[in-house]
């Protein structure tokens, strides 16, 4: 019983600090959290996926986007997280260009690019991509 009284006395003395830490923790969580998953897009060769999330309330308030989404890129072979974005405005369209073999990039709409995305072989091996070489030219007949 004495231990419980001692603990309650310590908590009363430091109640202001504990409340401050709790408020700080909740504020950090509110700023860094992401809304619910809206949909998933998979690359044509099934090696990568982009998950589209609604932005958090904070991200929505601080963004001037008309149709904001938060994007996260994952490699499907080992579920490795490759990167994410802040709020991206998809009001101009959300067409995705998977250019991993040519430039190591994934372009979403007109606003966002994931860079340094290595291509994957059909066997699931991660391949190098030609960073310093220009993209192949298209020759029309």
N, C-alpha and C. Protein backbone atom coordinates (compact mmCIF):
# COMPACT_ATOMS: atom_id res chain seq x y z
N UNK A 1 0.82 -1.20 0.00
CA UNK A 1 0.00 0.00 0.00
C UNK A 1 0.86 1.26 0.00
N UNK A 2 1.98 1.19 0.75
CA UNK A 2 2.88 2.34 0.79
C UNK A 2 3.49 2.62 -0.59
N UNK A 3 3.73 1.54 -1.36
CA UNK A 3 4.29 1.71 -2.70
C UNK A 3 3.31 2.45 -3.60
N UNK A 4 2.04 2.11 -3.51
CA UNK A 4 1.02 2.78 -4.30
C UNK A 4 0.91 4.26 -3.93
N UNK A 5 0.97 4.56 -2.67
CA UNK A 5 0.92 5.96 -2.22
C UNK A 5 2.14 6.72 -2.72
N UNK A 6 3.31 6.09 -2.71
CA UNK A 6 4.53 6.72 -3.20
C UNK A 6 4.42 7.01 -4.70
N UNK A 7 3.91 6.05 -5.45
CA UNK A 7 3.75 6.24 -6.90
C UNK A 7 2.76 7.37 -7.18
N UNK A 8 1.66 7.40 -6.49
CA UNK A 8 0.67 8.47 -6.71
C UNK A 8 1.24 9.84 -6.33
N UNK A 9 2.04 9.90 -5.29
CA UNK A 9 2.68 11.16 -4.90
C UNK A 9 3.63 11.65 -5.98
N UNK A 10 4.42 10.74 -6.55
CA UNK A 10 5.34 11.10 -7.62
C UNK A 10 4.57 11.56 -8.85
N UNK A 11 3.50 10.88 -9.19
CA UNK A 11 2.69 11.27 -10.34
C UNK A 11 2.07 12.66 -10.15
N UNK A 12 1.60 12.95 -8.94
CA UNK A 12 1.03 14.28 -8.68
C UNK A 12 2.08 15.37 -8.82
N UNK A 13 3.28 15.10 -8.36
CA UNK A 13 4.35 16.10 -8.44
C UNK A 13 4.75 16.39 -9.88
N UNK A 14 4.69 15.36 -10.73
CA UNK A 14 5.15 15.51 -12.12
C UNK A 14 4.00 15.47 -13.12
N UNK A 15 2.81 15.77 -12.71
CA UNK A 15 1.64 15.70 -13.59
C UNK A 15 1.78 16.64 -14.78
N UNK A 16 2.30 17.84 -14.57
CA UNK A 16 2.46 18.79 -15.67
C UNK A 16 3.42 18.27 -16.72
N UNK A 17 4.53 17.67 -16.31
CA UNK A 17 5.49 17.11 -17.26
C UNK A 17 4.89 15.94 -18.03
N UNK A 18 4.15 15.08 -17.33
CA UNK A 18 3.53 13.94 -17.99
C UNK A 18 2.49 14.36 -19.01
N UNK A 19 1.71 15.37 -18.67
CA UNK A 19 0.71 15.88 -19.62
C UNK A 19 1.41 16.50 -20.83
N UNK A 20 2.49 17.23 -20.60
CA UNK A 20 3.24 17.84 -21.70
C UNK A 20 3.82 16.78 -22.63
N UNK A 21 4.36 15.71 -22.06
CA UNK A 21 4.91 14.63 -22.88
C UNK A 21 3.81 13.94 -23.67
N UNK A 22 2.67 13.73 -23.06
CA UNK A 22 1.54 13.11 -23.75
C UNK A 22 1.04 13.98 -24.90
N UNK A 23 0.93 15.27 -24.68
CA UNK A 23 0.49 16.20 -25.73
C UNK A 23 1.50 16.22 -26.86
N UNK A 24 2.79 16.23 -26.54
CA UNK A 24 3.83 16.22 -27.57
C UNK A 24 3.76 14.94 -28.39
N UNK A 25 3.60 13.81 -27.72
CA UNK A 25 3.48 12.53 -28.41
C UNK A 25 2.28 12.52 -29.35
N UNK A 26 1.14 13.00 -28.89
CA UNK A 26 -0.06 13.03 -29.74
C UNK A 26 0.10 13.99 -30.91
N UNK A 27 0.78 15.11 -30.70
CA UNK A 27 1.02 16.07 -31.79
C UNK A 27 1.92 15.46 -32.86
N UNK A 28 2.98 14.78 -32.44
CA UNK A 28 3.87 14.12 -33.40
C UNK A 28 3.12 13.03 -34.16
N UNK A 29 2.31 12.26 -33.48
CA UNK A 29 1.52 11.23 -34.13
C UNK A 29 0.55 11.84 -35.14
N UNK A 30 -0.09 12.94 -34.78
CA UNK A 30 -1.07 13.59 -35.65
C UNK A 30 -0.40 14.13 -36.91
N UNK A 31 0.80 14.68 -36.78
CA UNK A 31 1.50 15.25 -37.93
C UNK A 31 2.02 14.16 -38.85
N UNK A 32 2.52 13.07 -38.30
CA UNK A 32 3.17 12.05 -39.12
C UNK A 32 2.24 10.93 -39.58
N UNK A 33 1.04 10.86 -39.08
CA UNK A 33 0.15 9.76 -39.46
C UNK A 33 -0.38 9.97 -40.87
N UNK A 34 -0.85 8.89 -41.44
CA UNK A 34 -1.42 8.90 -42.79
C UNK A 34 -2.83 8.35 -42.69
N UNK A 35 -3.69 8.82 -43.56
CA UNK A 35 -5.07 8.35 -43.58
C UNK A 35 -5.19 6.93 -44.08
N UNK A 36 -6.40 6.48 -44.33
CA UNK A 36 -6.62 5.09 -44.75
C UNK A 36 -6.17 4.83 -46.19
N UNK A 37 -5.86 3.57 -46.45
CA UNK A 37 -5.48 3.12 -47.78
C UNK A 37 -6.67 3.24 -48.72
N UNK A 38 -6.47 3.89 -49.87
CA UNK A 38 -7.55 4.06 -50.84
C UNK A 38 -7.51 2.99 -51.93
N UNK A 39 -6.34 2.82 -52.58
CA UNK A 39 -6.21 1.78 -53.58
C UNK A 39 -4.75 1.47 -53.83
N UNK A 40 -4.51 0.39 -54.56
CA UNK A 40 -3.15 -0.09 -54.83
C UNK A 40 -3.01 -0.25 -56.34
N UNK A 41 -1.86 0.16 -56.85
CA UNK A 41 -1.54 -0.02 -58.27
C UNK A 41 -0.28 -0.87 -58.37
N UNK A 42 -0.31 -1.89 -59.23
CA UNK A 42 0.81 -2.81 -59.37
C UNK A 42 1.46 -2.58 -60.72
N UNK A 43 2.80 -2.67 -60.77
CA UNK A 43 3.53 -2.48 -62.02
C UNK A 43 3.15 -3.58 -63.02
N UNK A 44 3.36 -3.32 -64.31
CA UNK A 44 2.98 -4.32 -65.33
C UNK A 44 3.66 -5.68 -65.14
N UNK A 45 4.88 -5.70 -64.60
CA UNK A 45 5.56 -6.97 -64.39
C UNK A 45 5.37 -7.52 -62.98
N UNK A 46 4.47 -6.91 -62.20
CA UNK A 46 4.14 -7.34 -60.84
C UNK A 46 5.31 -7.25 -59.86
N UNK A 47 6.33 -6.46 -60.17
CA UNK A 47 7.50 -6.40 -59.28
C UNK A 47 7.39 -5.29 -58.24
N UNK A 48 6.59 -4.26 -58.50
CA UNK A 48 6.42 -3.14 -57.57
C UNK A 48 4.95 -2.82 -57.41
N UNK A 49 4.64 -2.13 -56.31
CA UNK A 49 3.28 -1.63 -56.12
C UNK A 49 3.34 -0.25 -55.50
N UNK A 50 2.36 0.55 -55.84
CA UNK A 50 2.20 1.87 -55.24
C UNK A 50 0.89 1.84 -54.47
N UNK A 51 0.98 2.20 -53.20
CA UNK A 51 -0.22 2.28 -52.37
C UNK A 51 -0.60 3.74 -52.24
N UNK A 52 -1.87 4.04 -52.49
CA UNK A 52 -2.39 5.40 -52.42
C UNK A 52 -3.18 5.56 -51.11
N UNK A 53 -2.75 6.52 -50.30
CA UNK A 53 -3.40 6.77 -49.01
C UNK A 53 -4.01 8.17 -49.00
N UNK A 54 -5.08 8.32 -48.26
CA UNK A 54 -5.61 9.65 -47.99
C UNK A 54 -4.61 10.36 -47.08
N UNK A 55 -4.42 11.66 -47.25
CA UNK A 55 -3.50 12.36 -46.36
C UNK A 55 -4.10 12.51 -44.97
N UNK A 56 -3.23 12.72 -43.99
CA UNK A 56 -3.72 12.97 -42.63
C UNK A 56 -4.40 14.34 -42.60
N UNK A 57 -5.08 14.63 -41.53
CA UNK A 57 -5.76 15.93 -41.41
C UNK A 57 -4.75 17.06 -41.52
N UNK A 58 -3.62 16.91 -40.85
CA UNK A 58 -2.57 17.94 -40.89
C UNK A 58 -2.05 18.13 -42.32
N UNK A 59 -1.76 17.02 -43.01
CA UNK A 59 -1.26 17.11 -44.39
C UNK A 59 -2.31 17.74 -45.31
N UNK A 60 -3.55 17.43 -45.07
CA UNK A 60 -4.63 17.99 -45.89
C UNK A 60 -4.74 19.50 -45.67
N UNK A 61 -4.59 19.94 -44.41
CA UNK A 61 -4.70 21.37 -44.11
C UNK A 61 -3.51 22.17 -44.63
N UNK A 62 -2.32 21.57 -44.65
CA UNK A 62 -1.13 22.30 -45.08
C UNK A 62 -0.85 22.17 -46.57
N UNK A 63 -1.62 21.38 -47.27
CA UNK A 63 -1.43 21.19 -48.71
C UNK A 63 -2.45 22.02 -49.48
N UNK A 64 -2.04 22.55 -50.62
CA UNK A 64 -2.98 23.30 -51.46
C UNK A 64 -3.50 22.44 -52.62
N UNK A 65 -3.32 21.13 -52.51
CA UNK A 65 -3.74 20.22 -53.57
C UNK A 65 -5.25 20.07 -53.59
N UNK A 66 -5.79 19.91 -54.82
CA UNK A 66 -7.23 19.71 -54.96
C UNK A 66 -7.63 18.27 -54.66
N UNK A 67 -6.78 17.33 -55.08
CA UNK A 67 -7.03 15.91 -54.86
C UNK A 67 -5.76 15.28 -54.30
N UNK A 68 -5.47 15.53 -53.01
CA UNK A 68 -4.20 15.05 -52.45
C UNK A 68 -4.22 13.57 -52.12
N UNK A 69 -3.09 12.94 -52.33
CA UNK A 69 -2.88 11.54 -51.94
C UNK A 69 -1.44 11.41 -51.46
N UNK A 70 -1.20 10.47 -50.56
CA UNK A 70 0.14 10.14 -50.12
C UNK A 70 0.48 8.80 -50.76
N UNK A 71 1.65 8.72 -51.41
CA UNK A 71 2.03 7.53 -52.15
C UNK A 71 3.15 6.80 -51.43
N UNK A 72 3.08 5.48 -51.45
CA UNK A 72 4.15 4.64 -50.89
C UNK A 72 4.49 3.57 -51.91
N UNK A 73 5.79 3.43 -52.18
CA UNK A 73 6.27 2.46 -53.16
C UNK A 73 6.89 1.27 -52.43
N UNK A 74 6.48 0.06 -52.83
CA UNK A 74 7.00 -1.18 -52.26
C UNK A 74 7.47 -2.10 -53.37
N UNK A 75 8.53 -2.88 -53.10
CA UNK A 75 8.96 -3.94 -54.01
C UNK A 75 8.21 -5.19 -53.60
N UNK A 76 7.54 -5.85 -54.53
CA UNK A 76 6.70 -7.01 -54.21
C UNK A 76 7.49 -8.28 -53.91
N UNK A 77 8.70 -8.41 -54.46
CA UNK A 77 9.44 -9.66 -54.28
C UNK A 77 9.80 -9.90 -52.83
N UNK A 78 10.12 -8.84 -52.08
CA UNK A 78 10.48 -9.00 -50.67
C UNK A 78 9.75 -8.02 -49.75
N UNK A 79 8.72 -7.35 -50.29
CA UNK A 79 7.91 -6.36 -49.54
C UNK A 79 8.75 -5.24 -48.95
N UNK A 80 9.84 -4.89 -49.62
CA UNK A 80 10.69 -3.81 -49.11
C UNK A 80 10.06 -2.46 -49.43
N UNK A 81 10.04 -1.60 -48.42
CA UNK A 81 9.52 -0.24 -48.56
C UNK A 81 10.59 0.57 -49.29
N UNK A 82 10.22 1.16 -50.44
CA UNK A 82 11.18 1.88 -51.27
C UNK A 82 11.13 3.40 -51.06
N UNK A 83 10.03 3.92 -50.57
CA UNK A 83 9.92 5.35 -50.35
C UNK A 83 8.47 5.80 -50.32
N UNK A 84 8.29 7.04 -49.85
CA UNK A 84 6.95 7.61 -49.84
C UNK A 84 7.02 9.07 -50.20
N UNK A 85 5.87 9.65 -50.36
CA UNK A 85 5.77 11.05 -50.76
C UNK A 85 5.00 11.82 -49.70
N UNK A 86 5.07 13.12 -49.81
CA UNK A 86 4.15 13.95 -49.05
C UNK A 86 2.85 13.99 -49.84
N UNK A 87 1.96 14.90 -49.53
CA UNK A 87 0.73 15.00 -50.32
C UNK A 87 1.03 15.37 -51.78
N UNK A 88 0.54 14.56 -52.69
CA UNK A 88 0.73 14.77 -54.12
C UNK A 88 -0.63 15.10 -54.71
N UNK A 89 -0.69 16.13 -55.56
CA UNK A 89 -1.95 16.53 -56.17
C UNK A 89 -2.20 15.68 -57.41
N UNK A 90 -3.21 14.85 -57.36
CA UNK A 90 -3.56 13.98 -58.49
C UNK A 90 -4.75 14.51 -59.27
N UNK A 91 -5.06 15.79 -59.13
CA UNK A 91 -6.20 16.35 -59.84
C UNK A 91 -5.95 16.41 -61.34
N UNK A 92 -4.68 16.46 -61.76
CA UNK A 92 -4.38 16.49 -63.19
C UNK A 92 -4.29 15.09 -63.78
N UNK A 93 -4.53 14.07 -62.98
CA UNK A 93 -4.49 12.69 -63.45
C UNK A 93 -3.51 11.88 -62.63
N UNK A 94 -3.72 10.59 -62.63
CA UNK A 94 -2.84 9.74 -61.84
C UNK A 94 -2.22 8.64 -62.69
N UNK A 95 -2.00 8.93 -63.97
CA UNK A 95 -1.38 7.95 -64.85
C UNK A 95 0.03 7.66 -64.35
N UNK A 96 0.40 6.39 -64.32
CA UNK A 96 1.71 5.98 -63.83
C UNK A 96 2.55 5.47 -64.99
N UNK A 97 3.79 5.97 -65.06
CA UNK A 97 4.75 5.50 -66.05
C UNK A 97 5.84 4.75 -65.32
N UNK A 98 5.93 3.44 -65.59
CA UNK A 98 6.92 2.59 -64.94
C UNK A 98 8.15 2.55 -65.84
N UNK A 99 9.14 3.40 -65.61
CA UNK A 99 10.33 3.50 -66.46
C UNK A 99 11.57 2.98 -65.75
N UNK A 100 11.44 1.87 -65.03
CA UNK A 100 12.58 1.36 -64.27
C UNK A 100 13.71 0.89 -65.16
N UNK A 101 13.41 0.23 -66.27
CA UNK A 101 14.45 -0.31 -67.15
C UNK A 101 15.24 0.80 -67.83
N UNK A 102 14.58 1.91 -68.17
CA UNK A 102 15.25 2.98 -68.91
C UNK A 102 15.97 3.96 -68.00
N UNK A 103 15.31 4.42 -66.95
CA UNK A 103 15.90 5.49 -66.15
C UNK A 103 15.86 5.23 -64.65
N UNK A 104 15.25 4.14 -64.23
CA UNK A 104 15.14 3.86 -62.80
C UNK A 104 14.13 4.75 -62.10
N UNK A 105 13.09 5.16 -62.82
CA UNK A 105 12.11 6.09 -62.26
C UNK A 105 10.70 5.53 -62.41
N UNK A 106 9.85 5.96 -61.47
CA UNK A 106 8.41 5.70 -61.58
C UNK A 106 7.76 7.07 -61.48
N UNK A 107 7.02 7.46 -62.51
CA UNK A 107 6.38 8.77 -62.57
C UNK A 107 4.89 8.62 -62.35
N UNK A 108 4.34 9.42 -61.44
CA UNK A 108 2.91 9.38 -61.14
C UNK A 108 2.32 10.72 -61.50
N UNK A 109 1.38 10.71 -62.43
CA UNK A 109 0.76 11.95 -62.87
C UNK A 109 1.80 12.91 -63.43
N UNK A 110 1.65 14.18 -63.12
CA UNK A 110 2.62 15.18 -63.57
C UNK A 110 3.41 15.75 -62.40
N UNK A 111 3.17 15.23 -61.21
CA UNK A 111 3.72 15.88 -60.02
C UNK A 111 4.80 15.12 -59.28
N UNK A 112 4.86 13.79 -59.37
CA UNK A 112 5.76 13.08 -58.47
C UNK A 112 6.55 12.01 -59.20
N UNK A 113 7.83 11.85 -58.79
CA UNK A 113 8.73 10.86 -59.37
C UNK A 113 9.42 10.11 -58.24
N UNK A 114 9.36 8.78 -58.28
CA UNK A 114 10.21 7.94 -57.43
C UNK A 114 11.47 7.67 -58.24
N UNK A 115 12.63 7.98 -57.68
CA UNK A 115 13.89 7.80 -58.39
C UNK A 115 14.66 6.61 -57.82
N UNK A 116 15.65 6.16 -58.59
CA UNK A 116 16.54 5.06 -58.19
C UNK A 116 15.76 3.80 -57.86
N UNK A 117 14.84 3.43 -58.74
CA UNK A 117 14.05 2.21 -58.58
C UNK A 117 14.63 1.17 -59.54
N UNK A 118 15.31 0.15 -59.02
CA UNK A 118 15.95 -0.82 -59.92
C UNK A 118 14.93 -1.77 -60.54
N UNK A 119 15.16 -2.17 -61.78
CA UNK A 119 14.25 -3.15 -62.40
C UNK A 119 14.45 -4.53 -61.77
N UNK A 120 13.46 -5.38 -61.94
CA UNK A 120 13.47 -6.74 -61.39
C UNK A 120 13.39 -7.72 -62.56
N UNK A 121 14.21 -8.77 -62.51
CA UNK A 121 14.16 -9.79 -63.56
C UNK A 121 12.93 -10.67 -63.35
N UNK A 122 12.52 -11.44 -64.36
CA UNK A 122 11.38 -12.35 -64.18
C UNK A 122 11.61 -13.36 -63.06
N UNK A 123 12.87 -13.67 -62.75
CA UNK A 123 13.17 -14.61 -61.68
C UNK A 123 13.14 -13.94 -60.30
N UNK A 124 12.96 -12.63 -60.27
CA UNK A 124 12.90 -11.91 -59.00
C UNK A 124 14.21 -11.31 -58.56
N UNK A 125 15.22 -11.33 -59.43
CA UNK A 125 16.51 -10.73 -59.08
C UNK A 125 16.48 -9.23 -59.36
N UNK A 126 17.14 -8.46 -58.49
CA UNK A 126 17.22 -7.01 -58.68
C UNK A 126 18.33 -6.73 -59.68
N UNK A 127 18.00 -6.03 -60.75
CA UNK A 127 18.96 -5.74 -61.82
C UNK A 127 19.50 -4.32 -61.68
N UNK A 128 20.67 -4.10 -62.29
CA UNK A 128 21.20 -2.74 -62.37
C UNK A 128 20.50 -2.04 -63.52
N UNK A 129 20.40 -0.73 -63.43
CA UNK A 129 19.82 0.02 -64.52
C UNK A 129 20.86 1.02 -65.02
N UNK A 130 20.82 1.34 -66.29
CA UNK A 130 21.85 2.20 -66.87
C UNK A 130 21.62 3.66 -66.49
N UNK A 131 22.25 4.11 -65.39
CA UNK A 131 22.05 5.49 -64.94
C UNK A 131 22.70 6.50 -65.87
N UNK A 132 23.91 6.19 -66.34
CA UNK A 132 24.67 7.18 -67.10
C UNK A 132 24.42 7.10 -68.60
N UNK A 133 23.64 6.13 -69.03
CA UNK A 133 23.36 5.99 -70.45
C UNK A 133 22.05 6.69 -70.79
N UNK A 134 21.99 7.32 -71.95
CA UNK A 134 20.72 7.92 -72.36
C UNK A 134 19.69 6.84 -72.62
N UNK A 135 18.41 7.16 -72.52
CA UNK A 135 17.39 6.16 -72.82
C UNK A 135 17.46 5.74 -74.27
N UNK A 136 17.05 4.52 -74.57
CA UNK A 136 17.11 4.07 -75.95
C UNK A 136 16.23 4.92 -76.86
N UNK A 137 16.75 5.17 -78.07
CA UNK A 137 15.99 5.98 -79.03
C UNK A 137 14.99 5.10 -79.76
N UNK A 138 13.86 5.67 -80.06
CA UNK A 138 12.84 4.99 -80.84
C UNK A 138 13.04 5.37 -82.30
N UNK A 139 13.26 4.37 -83.14
CA UNK A 139 13.48 4.62 -84.56
C UNK A 139 12.19 4.27 -85.29
N UNK A 140 11.66 5.27 -85.96
CA UNK A 140 10.42 5.05 -86.72
C UNK A 140 10.77 4.63 -88.13
N UNK A 141 10.05 3.66 -88.69
CA UNK A 141 10.34 3.21 -90.07
C UNK A 141 9.93 4.21 -91.11
